[in-house]
Amino acid sequence: MKLWTSRLLRLGLLIVFMLATFASPAMAKKGDEKLPPYDVDGISHGKIWVQWVFAFLFVSSCMAIAFKNPHRSSIERT
């Protein structure tokens, strides 16, 4: 009987700890907070494909240099 009550007590403490841990952030949030507008005029909504092209070229050149065949090097070995 003592084993059953100790398990029940541990389970109860675990549940209370989890409720205190997970409920406190939810209770701290205020309901009257207004979200900022998502269509802000200061942000430009232009196409950014040029940046993606340069990023792709940079990453592909880094990978080509990294996986270059070491036997085709121009460094003189002595």
N, C-alpha and C. Protein backbone atom coordinates (compact mmCIF):
# COMPACT_ATOMS: atom_id res chain seq x y z
N MET A 1 0.82 -1.20 0.00
CA MET A 1 0.00 0.00 0.00
C MET A 1 0.87 1.26 0.00
N LYS A 2 2.00 1.19 0.70
CA LYS A 2 2.86 2.36 0.76
C LYS A 2 3.46 2.67 -0.62
N LEU A 3 3.78 1.64 -1.39
CA LEU A 3 4.34 1.84 -2.72
C LEU A 3 3.34 2.55 -3.63
N TRP A 4 2.09 2.20 -3.53
CA TRP A 4 1.06 2.81 -4.35
C TRP A 4 0.88 4.29 -4.02
N THR A 5 0.92 4.64 -2.75
CA THR A 5 0.74 6.04 -2.35
C THR A 5 1.96 6.88 -2.73
N SER A 6 3.15 6.30 -2.65
CA SER A 6 4.33 7.07 -3.02
C SER A 6 4.34 7.33 -4.54
N ARG A 7 3.89 6.36 -5.32
CA ARG A 7 3.79 6.57 -6.77
C ARG A 7 2.76 7.64 -7.08
N LEU A 8 1.63 7.58 -6.38
CA LEU A 8 0.58 8.57 -6.58
C LEU A 8 1.07 9.97 -6.18
N LEU A 9 1.82 10.04 -5.09
CA LEU A 9 2.36 11.32 -4.65
C LEU A 9 3.36 11.87 -5.66
N ARG A 10 4.24 11.02 -6.20
CA ARG A 10 5.20 11.46 -7.21
C ARG A 10 4.50 11.92 -8.49
N LEU A 11 3.48 11.18 -8.88
CA LEU A 11 2.72 11.56 -10.07
C LEU A 11 2.01 12.90 -9.85
N GLY A 12 1.45 13.10 -8.68
CA GLY A 12 0.79 14.36 -8.36
C GLY A 12 1.76 15.52 -8.36
N LEU A 13 2.95 15.33 -7.79
CA LEU A 13 3.95 16.39 -7.80
C LEU A 13 4.42 16.70 -9.21
N LEU A 14 4.54 15.68 -10.04
CA LEU A 14 4.94 15.89 -11.42
C LEU A 14 3.88 16.68 -12.17
N ILE A 15 2.63 16.37 -11.97
CA ILE A 15 1.55 17.09 -12.64
C ILE A 15 1.49 18.53 -12.18
N VAL A 16 1.66 18.77 -10.88
CA VAL A 16 1.65 20.15 -10.36
C VAL A 16 2.83 20.93 -10.93
N PHE A 17 4.00 20.31 -10.99
CA PHE A 17 5.18 20.98 -11.55
C PHE A 17 4.97 21.31 -13.02
N MET A 18 4.42 20.36 -13.79
CA MET A 18 4.19 20.62 -15.20
C MET A 18 3.15 21.71 -15.41
N LEU A 19 2.10 21.72 -14.61
CA LEU A 19 1.09 22.77 -14.74
C LEU A 19 1.68 24.14 -14.40
N ALA A 20 2.50 24.20 -13.37
CA ALA A 20 3.12 25.47 -12.99
C ALA A 20 4.10 25.94 -14.06
N THR A 21 4.81 25.01 -14.67
CA THR A 21 5.80 25.37 -15.68
C THR A 21 5.14 25.82 -16.97
N PHE A 22 4.14 25.12 -17.43
CA PHE A 22 3.53 25.41 -18.72
C PHE A 22 2.43 26.46 -18.65
N ALA A 23 1.82 26.63 -17.50
CA ALA A 23 0.71 27.58 -17.39
C ALA A 23 1.19 29.00 -17.14
N SER A 24 2.36 29.17 -16.55
CA SER A 24 2.82 30.51 -16.21
C SER A 24 3.05 31.39 -17.44
N PRO A 25 3.65 30.92 -18.54
CA PRO A 25 3.77 31.80 -19.71
C PRO A 25 2.42 32.15 -20.33
N ALA A 26 1.48 31.23 -20.28
CA ALA A 26 0.16 31.50 -20.84
C ALA A 26 -0.59 32.52 -20.00
N MET A 27 -0.41 32.48 -18.70
CA MET A 27 -1.09 33.43 -17.84
C MET A 27 -0.42 34.80 -17.89
N ALA A 28 0.85 34.87 -18.24
CA ALA A 28 1.55 36.15 -18.28
C ALA A 28 1.19 36.97 -19.51
N LYS A 29 0.64 36.33 -20.53
CA LYS A 29 0.29 37.05 -21.76
C LYS A 29 -0.95 37.90 -21.51
N LYS A 30 -0.85 39.14 -21.93
CA LYS A 30 -1.99 40.04 -21.76
C LYS A 30 -2.91 39.91 -22.98
N GLY A 31 -4.19 39.94 -22.74
CA GLY A 31 -5.14 39.78 -23.82
C GLY A 31 -5.38 41.05 -24.63
N ASP A 32 -5.02 42.21 -24.07
CA ASP A 32 -5.30 43.46 -24.76
C ASP A 32 -4.14 43.94 -25.62
N GLU A 33 -3.14 43.11 -25.84
CA GLU A 33 -2.02 43.50 -26.70
C GLU A 33 -2.46 43.50 -28.16
N LYS A 34 -2.07 44.54 -28.86
CA LYS A 34 -2.43 44.65 -30.27
C LYS A 34 -1.23 44.23 -31.10
N LEU A 35 -1.45 43.39 -32.07
CA LEU A 35 -0.38 42.93 -32.94
C LEU A 35 0.01 44.02 -33.93
N PRO A 36 1.29 44.11 -34.28
CA PRO A 36 1.69 45.12 -35.26
C PRO A 36 1.16 44.77 -36.64
N PRO A 37 0.99 45.76 -37.49
CA PRO A 37 0.52 45.47 -38.85
C PRO A 37 1.61 44.76 -39.65
N TYR A 38 1.19 43.82 -40.46
CA TYR A 38 2.15 43.05 -41.24
C TYR A 38 2.41 43.64 -42.61
N ASP A 39 1.64 44.60 -43.02
CA ASP A 39 1.87 45.24 -44.31
C ASP A 39 2.52 46.61 -44.09
N VAL A 40 3.71 46.58 -43.52
CA VAL A 40 4.43 47.81 -43.20
C VAL A 40 4.95 48.43 -44.49
N ASP A 41 4.79 49.73 -44.63
CA ASP A 41 5.20 50.42 -45.84
C ASP A 41 6.71 50.55 -45.96
N GLY A 42 7.44 50.49 -44.85
CA GLY A 42 8.88 50.67 -44.88
C GLY A 42 9.64 49.49 -45.44
N ILE A 43 9.02 48.34 -45.54
CA ILE A 43 9.68 47.15 -46.06
C ILE A 43 9.43 47.06 -47.56
N SER A 44 10.51 46.95 -48.32
CA SER A 44 10.34 46.83 -49.77
C SER A 44 9.99 45.39 -50.12
N HIS A 45 9.05 45.24 -51.00
CA HIS A 45 8.59 43.92 -51.41
C HIS A 45 9.06 43.60 -52.82
N GLY A 46 10.29 43.96 -53.13
CA GLY A 46 10.82 43.71 -54.46
C GLY A 46 11.30 42.28 -54.62
N LYS A 47 11.69 41.95 -55.83
CA LYS A 47 12.21 40.61 -56.11
C LYS A 47 13.66 40.53 -55.65
N ILE A 48 14.01 39.44 -55.05
CA ILE A 48 15.37 39.29 -54.53
C ILE A 48 16.08 38.13 -55.22
N TRP A 49 15.79 37.90 -56.48
CA TRP A 49 16.40 36.76 -57.17
C TRP A 49 17.88 37.00 -57.43
N VAL A 50 18.31 38.25 -57.49
CA VAL A 50 19.73 38.53 -57.74
C VAL A 50 20.58 38.04 -56.57
N GLN A 51 20.12 38.29 -55.36
CA GLN A 51 20.84 37.83 -54.18
C GLN A 51 20.92 36.31 -54.14
N TRP A 52 19.84 35.64 -54.55
CA TRP A 52 19.84 34.19 -54.56
C TRP A 52 20.81 33.65 -55.60
N VAL A 53 20.92 34.31 -56.74
CA VAL A 53 21.86 33.87 -57.78
C VAL A 53 23.29 33.99 -57.28
N PHE A 54 23.63 35.15 -56.68
CA PHE A 54 24.98 35.32 -56.16
C PHE A 54 25.28 34.34 -55.02
N ALA A 55 24.30 34.08 -54.16
CA ALA A 55 24.50 33.12 -53.09
C ALA A 55 24.72 31.72 -53.64
N PHE A 56 23.95 31.35 -54.67
CA PHE A 56 24.13 30.04 -55.29
C PHE A 56 25.51 29.91 -55.92
N LEU A 57 25.95 30.95 -56.62
CA LEU A 57 27.28 30.92 -57.25
C LEU A 57 28.38 30.85 -56.21
N PHE A 58 28.24 31.58 -55.11
CA PHE A 58 29.24 31.54 -54.06
C PHE A 58 29.33 30.16 -53.42
N VAL A 59 28.19 29.58 -53.09
CA VAL A 59 28.19 28.26 -52.45
C VAL A 59 28.70 27.20 -53.41
N SER A 60 28.29 27.27 -54.67
CA SER A 60 28.76 26.26 -55.63
C SER A 60 30.26 26.39 -55.88
N SER A 61 30.79 27.61 -55.91
CA SER A 61 32.24 27.75 -56.09
C SER A 61 33.00 27.27 -54.86
N CYS A 62 32.48 27.53 -53.69
CA CYS A 62 33.13 27.01 -52.47
C CYS A 62 33.13 25.49 -52.46
N MET A 63 32.04 24.88 -52.87
CA MET A 63 31.99 23.41 -52.91
C MET A 63 32.90 22.85 -53.99
N ALA A 64 33.01 23.54 -55.12
CA ALA A 64 33.90 23.08 -56.19
C ALA A 64 35.35 23.14 -55.73
N ILE A 65 35.71 24.19 -55.01
CA ILE A 65 37.07 24.30 -54.49
C ILE A 65 37.32 23.26 -53.41
N ALA A 66 36.32 23.02 -52.57
CA ALA A 66 36.50 22.08 -51.46
C ALA A 66 36.63 20.64 -51.96
N PHE A 67 35.90 20.27 -53.00
CA PHE A 67 35.92 18.90 -53.49
C PHE A 67 36.78 18.74 -54.75
N LYS A 68 37.70 19.65 -54.95
CA LYS A 68 38.60 19.59 -56.10
C LYS A 68 39.52 18.37 -55.96
N ASN A 69 39.88 17.80 -57.07
CA ASN A 69 40.77 16.66 -57.05
C ASN A 69 42.15 17.13 -56.57
N PRO A 70 42.69 16.55 -55.50
CA PRO A 70 43.97 17.03 -54.98
C PRO A 70 45.15 16.69 -55.89
N HIS A 71 45.00 15.75 -56.81
CA HIS A 71 46.09 15.39 -57.70
C HIS A 71 46.22 16.36 -58.87
N ARG A 72 45.25 17.22 -59.07
CA ARG A 72 45.29 18.19 -60.16
C ARG A 72 45.65 19.57 -59.64
N SER A 73 46.43 19.63 -58.60
CA SER A 73 46.81 20.90 -58.01
C SER A 73 47.95 21.54 -58.78
N SER A 74 48.02 22.86 -58.74
CA SER A 74 49.11 23.56 -59.42
C SER A 74 50.28 23.82 -58.49
N ILE A 75 50.19 23.35 -57.25
CA ILE A 75 51.25 23.53 -56.28
C ILE A 75 52.36 22.53 -56.57
N GLU A 76 53.58 23.01 -56.65
CA GLU A 76 54.73 22.13 -56.89
C GLU A 76 55.05 21.34 -55.63
N ARG A 77 55.11 20.06 -55.78
CA ARG A 77 55.48 19.20 -54.63
C ARG A 77 56.95 18.86 -54.74
N THR A 78 57.64 19.03 -53.64
CA THR A 78 59.07 18.71 -53.67
C THR A 78 59.38 17.53 -52.79
